[in-house]
Structures are given as C-alpha cells and as structure tokens.
PDB file of N, CA and C in Angstrom:
ATOM      1  N   ASP A   1      19.852 -11.480   7.888  1.00  0.00           N
ATOM      2  CA  ASP A   1      20.409 -12.736   7.380  1.00  0.00           C
ATOM      3  C   ASP A   1      19.554 -13.752   7.864  1.00  0.00           C
ATOM      4  N   TYR A   2      19.462 -14.856   7.059  1.00  0.00           N
ATOM      5  CA  TYR A   2      18.436 -15.926   7.321  1.00  0.00           C
ATOM      6  C   TYR A   2      19.262 -17.175   7.450  1.00  0.00           C
ATOM      7  N   SER A   3      18.673 -18.027   8.383  1.00  0.00           N
ATOM      8  CA  SER A   3      19.555 -19.468   8.747  1.00  0.00           C
ATOM      9  C   SER A   3      18.671 -20.413   8.014  1.00  0.00           C
ATOM     10  N   LYS A   4      19.292 -21.533   7.880  1.00  0.00           N
ATOM     11  CA  LYS A   4      18.322 -22.766   7.355  1.00  0.00           C
ATOM     12  C   LYS A   4      17.583 -23.060   8.448  1.00  0.00           C
ATOM     13  N   GLY A   5      16.149 -23.429   7.831  1.00  0.00           N
ATOM     14  CA  GLY A   5      15.057 -23.746   8.749  1.00  0.00           C
ATOM     15  C   GLY A   5      14.295 -22.470   9.045  1.00  0.00           C
ATOM     16  N   GLU A   6      14.623 -21.438   8.852  1.00  0.00           N
ATOM     17  CA  GLU A   6      13.902 -20.414   9.353  1.00  0.00           C
ATOM     18  C   GLU A   6      12.546 -20.231   8.499  1.00  0.00           C
ATOM     19  N   ARG A   7      11.485 -19.806   8.927  1.00  0.00           N
ATOM     20  CA  ARG A   7      10.204 -19.580   8.341  1.00  0.00           C
ATOM     21  C   ARG A   7      10.392 -18.277   7.594  1.00  0.00           C
ATOM     22  N   LEU A   8      10.472 -18.096   6.092  1.00  0.00           N
ATOM     23  CA  LEU A   8      10.516 -16.770   5.445  1.00  0.00           C
ATOM     24  C   LEU A   8       9.108 -16.290   4.692  1.00  0.00           C
ATOM     25  N   ALA A   9       8.735 -15.235   4.521  1.00  0.00           N
ATOM     26  CA  ALA A   9       7.722 -14.809   3.778  1.00  0.00           C
ATOM     27  C   ALA A   9       8.113 -14.131   2.553  1.00  0.00           C
ATOM     28  N   VAL A  10       7.592 -14.173   1.628  1.00  0.00           N
ATOM     29  CA  VAL A  10       7.703 -13.314   0.401  1.00  0.00           C
ATOM     30  C   VAL A  10       6.611 -12.256   0.133  1.00  0.00           C
ATOM     31  N   LEU A  11       6.631 -11.128  -0.180  1.00  0.00           N
ATOM     32  CA  LEU A  11       5.598 -10.103  -0.293  1.00  0.00           C
ATOM     33  C   LEU A  11       5.504 -10.273  -1.863  1.00  0.00           C
ATOM     34  N   PRO A  12       4.309 -10.531  -2.276  1.00  0.00           N
ATOM     35  CA  PRO A  12       3.924 -10.831  -3.751  1.00  0.00           C
ATOM     36  C   PRO A  12       4.101  -9.580  -4.583  1.00  0.00           C
ATOM     37  N   GLN A  13       3.807  -8.358  -4.220  1.00  0.00           N
ATOM     38  CA  GLN A  13       3.957  -7.204  -5.017  1.00  0.00           C
ATOM     39  C   GLN A  13       5.182  -6.927  -5.384  1.00  0.00           C
ATOM     40  N   CYS A  14       6.156  -6.797  -4.474  1.00  0.00           N
ATOM     41  CA  CYS A  14       7.655  -6.593  -4.649  1.00  0.00           C
ATOM     42  C   CYS A  14       8.710  -7.694  -4.424  1.00  0.00           C
ATOM     43  N   CYS A  15       8.289  -8.918  -3.834  1.00  0.00           N
ATOM     44  CA  CYS A  15       9.145  -9.889  -3.925  1.00  0.00           C
ATOM     45  C   CYS A  15      10.016  -9.775  -2.780  1.00  0.00           C
ATOM     46  N   HIS A  16       9.997  -8.833  -1.884  1.00  0.00           N
ATOM     47  CA  HIS A  16      11.056  -8.841  -0.754  1.00  0.00           C
ATOM     48  C   HIS A  16      10.781 -10.090   0.153  1.00  0.00           C
ATOM     49  N   VAL A  17      12.063 -10.314   0.796  1.00  0.00           N
ATOM     50  CA  VAL A  17      11.738 -11.578   1.762  1.00  0.00           C
ATOM     51  C   VAL A  17      12.295 -11.231   3.094  1.00  0.00           C
ATOM     52  N   TYR A  18      11.332 -11.651   4.070  1.00  0.00           N
ATOM     53  CA  TYR A  18      11.537 -11.408   5.466  1.00  0.00           C
ATOM     54  C   TYR A  18      11.198 -12.392   6.451  1.00  0.00           C
ATOM     55  N   HIS A  19      11.843 -12.487   7.734  1.00  0.00           N
ATOM     56  CA  HIS A  19      11.126 -13.640   8.488  1.00  0.00           C
ATOM     57  C   HIS A  19       9.686 -13.417   8.756  1.00  0.00           C
ATOM     58  N   ALA A  20       9.267 -14.642   8.770  1.00  0.00           N
ATOM     59  CA  ALA A  20       7.738 -14.704   8.422  1.00  0.00           C
ATOM     60  C   ALA A  20       6.884 -13.935   9.839  1.00  0.00           C
ATOM     61  N   ARG A  21       7.643 -14.239  10.842  1.00  0.00           N
ATOM     62  CA  ARG A  21       7.096 -13.672  12.083  1.00  0.00           C
ATOM     63  C   ARG A  21       7.137 -12.263  12.209  1.00  0.00           C
ATOM     64  N   CYS A  22       8.393 -11.706  11.822  1.00  0.00           N
ATOM     65  CA  CYS A  22       8.442 -10.167  11.686  1.00  0.00           C
ATOM     66  C   CYS A  22       7.575  -9.456  10.853  1.00  0.00           C
ATOM     67  N   VAL A  23       7.432  -9.868   9.709  1.00  0.00           N
ATOM     68  CA  VAL A  23       6.706  -9.158   8.679  1.00  0.00           C
ATOM     69  C   VAL A  23       5.109  -9.427   8.786  1.00  0.00           C
ATOM     70  N   THR A  24       4.803 -10.367   9.567  1.00  0.00           N
ATOM     71  CA  THR A  24       3.735 -10.586   9.758  1.00  0.00           C
ATOM     72  C   THR A  24       3.057  -9.603  10.675  1.00  0.00           C
ATOM     73  N   ARG A  25       3.755  -9.330  11.740  1.00  0.00           N
ATOM     74  CA  ARG A  25       3.270  -8.093  12.843  1.00  0.00           C
ATOM     75  C   ARG A  25       3.556  -6.842  12.001  1.00  0.00           C
ATOM     76  N   TRP A  26       4.763  -6.481  11.393  1.00  0.00           N
ATOM     77  CA  TRP A  26       4.634  -5.369  10.633  1.00  0.00           C
ATOM     78  C   TRP A  26       3.419  -5.173   9.654  1.00  0.00           C
ATOM     79  N   LEU A  27       3.018  -6.082   8.865  1.00  0.00           N
ATOM     80  CA  LEU A  27       1.770  -6.042   7.892  1.00  0.00           C
ATOM     81  C   LEU A  27       0.694  -5.848   8.682  1.00  0.00           C
ATOM     82  N   ARG A  28       0.172  -6.330  10.063  1.00  0.00           N
ATOM     83  CA  ARG A  28      -1.002  -5.910  10.742  1.00  0.00           C
ATOM     84  C   ARG A  28      -0.940  -4.719  11.313  1.00  0.00           C
ATOM     85  N   SER A  29       0.129  -4.063  11.576  1.00  0.00           N
ATOM     86  CA  SER A  29      -0.062  -2.567  11.896  1.00  0.00           C
ATOM     87  C   SER A  29       0.017  -1.649  10.708  1.00  0.00           C
ATOM     88  N   ARG A  30       0.906  -1.960   9.639  1.00  0.00           N
ATOM     89  CA  ARG A  30       1.338  -1.098   8.645  1.00  0.00           C
ATOM     90  C   ARG A  30       0.681  -1.236   7.396  1.00  0.00           C
ATOM     91  N   GLY A  31       0.636  -2.221   6.820  1.00  0.00           N
ATOM     92  CA  GLY A  31      -0.110  -2.753   5.542  1.00  0.00           C
ATOM     93  C   GLY A  31       0.907  -2.556   4.144  1.00  0.00           C
ATOM     94  N   ASP A  32       2.147  -2.204   4.392  1.00  0.00           N
ATOM     95  CA  ASP A  32       3.213  -1.824   3.239  1.00  0.00           C
ATOM     96  C   ASP A  32       4.309  -2.645   3.477  1.00  0.00           C
ATOM     97  N   CYS A  33       5.268  -2.929   2.535  1.00  0.00           N
ATOM     98  CA  CYS A  33       6.445  -3.404   2.496  1.00  0.00           C
ATOM     99  C   CYS A  33       7.357  -2.344   3.301  1.00  0.00           C
ATOM    100  N   PRO A  34       8.121  -3.017   4.298  1.00  0.00           N
ATOM    101  CA  PRO A  34       9.222  -2.099   4.995  1.00  0.00           C
ATOM    102  C   PRO A  34      10.142  -1.500   4.186  1.00  0.00           C
ATOM    103  N   ILE A  35      10.581  -2.199   3.241  1.00  0.00           N
ATOM    104  CA  ILE A  35      11.533  -1.707   2.373  1.00  0.00           C
ATOM    105  C   ILE A  35      10.963  -0.855   1.628  1.00  0.00           C
ATOM    106  N   CYS A  36      10.143  -0.993   0.406  1.00  0.00           N
ATOM    107  CA  CYS A  36       9.903  -0.133  -0.680  1.00  0.00           C
ATOM    108  C   CYS A  36       8.457   0.383  -0.679  1.00  0.00           C
ATOM    109  N   ARG A  37       7.883   0.085   0.474  1.00  0.00           N
ATOM    110  CA  ARG A  37       6.564   0.813   0.804  1.00  0.00           C
ATOM    111  C   ARG A  37       5.185   0.452  -0.082  1.00  0.00           C
ATOM    112  N   SER A  38       5.509  -0.748  -0.787  1.00  0.00           N
ATOM    113  CA  SER A  38       4.404  -1.393  -1.967  1.00  0.00           C
ATOM    114  C   SER A  38       3.170  -1.601  -0.784  1.00  0.00           C
ATOM    115  N   LEU A  39       2.134  -1.304  -1.409  1.00  0.00           N
ATOM    116  CA  LEU A  39       0.893  -1.561  -0.385  1.00  0.00           C
ATOM    117  C   LEU A  39       0.744  -3.303  -0.829  1.00  0.00           C
ATOM    118  N   VAL A  40       0.187  -3.831   0.621  1.00  0.00           N
ATOM    119  CA  VAL A  40      -0.280  -5.221   0.453  1.00  0.00           C
ATOM    120  C   VAL A  40      -1.698  -5.282   0.502  1.00  0.00           C
ATOM    121  N   LYS A  41      -2.147  -5.800  -0.340  1.00  0.00           N
ATOM    122  CA  LYS A  41      -3.807  -6.048  -0.403  1.00  0.00           C
ATOM    123  C   LYS A  41      -4.088  -6.642   1.032  1.00  0.00           C
ATOM    124  N   ASP A  42      -5.288  -6.246   1.654  1.00  0.00           N
ATOM    125  CA  ASP A  42      -5.862  -6.830   2.729  1.00  0.00           C
ATOM    126  C   ASP A  42      -5.917  -8.461   2.691  1.00  0.00           C
ATOM    127  N   GLU A  43      -6.253  -9.092   1.599  1.00  0.00           N
ATOM    128  CA  GLU A  43      -6.282 -10.351   1.700  1.00  0.00           C
ATOM    129  C   GLU A  43      -5.023 -10.946   1.625  1.00  0.00           C
ATOM    130  N   LEU A  44      -3.908 -10.270   1.038  1.00  0.00           N
ATOM    131  CA  LEU A  44      -2.599 -10.888   1.183  1.00  0.00           C
ATOM    132  C   LEU A  44      -1.869 -10.622   2.422  1.00  0.00           C
ATOM    133  N   ARG A  45      -2.484  -9.861   3.335  1.00  0.00           N
ATOM    134  CA  ARG A  45      -1.898  -9.428   4.572  1.00  0.00           C
ATOM    135  C   ARG A  45      -2.328 -10.539   5.536  1.00  0.00           C
ATOM    136  N   ARG A  46      -3.290 -11.272   5.161  1.00  0.00           N
ATOM    137  CA  ARG A  46      -3.587 -12.294   6.097  1.00  0.00           C
ATOM    138  C   ARG A  46      -2.885 -13.735   5.479  1.00  0.00           C
ATOM    139  N   SER A  47      -2.450 -13.816   4.446  1.00  0.00           N
ATOM    140  CA  SER A  47      -2.174 -14.721   3.777  1.00  0.00           C
ATOM    141  C   SER A  47      -0.760 -14.628   2.956  1.00  0.00           C
ATOM    142  N   THR A  48       0.186 -14.170   3.514  1.00  0.00           N
ATOM    143  CA  THR A  48       1.557 -13.839   2.942  1.00  0.00           C
ATOM    144  C   THR A  48       2.276 -15.312   2.705  1.00  0.00           C
ATOM    145  N   ARG A  49       2.773 -15.444   1.447  1.00  0.00           N
ATOM    146  CA  ARG A  49       3.462 -16.668   1.267  1.00  0.00           C
ATOM    147  C   ARG A  49       4.792 -17.185   1.977  1.00  0.00           C
ATOM    148  N   LEU A  50       4.818 -18.314   2.509  1.00  0.00           N
ATOM    149  CA  LEU A  50       5.613 -18.713   3.378  1.00  0.00           C
ATOM    150  C   LEU A  50       6.487 -19.582   2.599  1.00  0.00           C
ATOM    151  N   CYS A  51       7.976 -19.338   2.983  1.00  0.00           N
ATOM    152  CA  CYS A  51       8.965 -20.327   2.287  1.00  0.00           C
ATOM    153  C   CYS A  51       9.378 -21.295   3.278  1.00  0.00           C
TER     154      CYS A  51
END
C-alpha cells in the first residue's frame, strides 16, 4: 500500500509501481521486476522514473 507523499517508481517495461527506495535496492542486486521478472535495462536501473 502507498501513502500520500511517498516516492514511487514505475518500471518502464512493465509499468509495475513500487516504493522508490525498495525497488532501487532490488534493481541494484537483481535487475528485473520483482513481480513479472521483466528485465530492466542497465541505464534504466540507474534512472527509474519516480512519481
């Protein structure tokens, strides 16, 4: 669940939404979406869109 004012990130390949801090840590170690396992390109792993 997300609360108002939280920083969120959207993965561009699959459009899944995560807490920005959580998904940033995940992508640094894994490189794929935690839900659907779509691969996140290296350049996008460093610049995931924040909302």
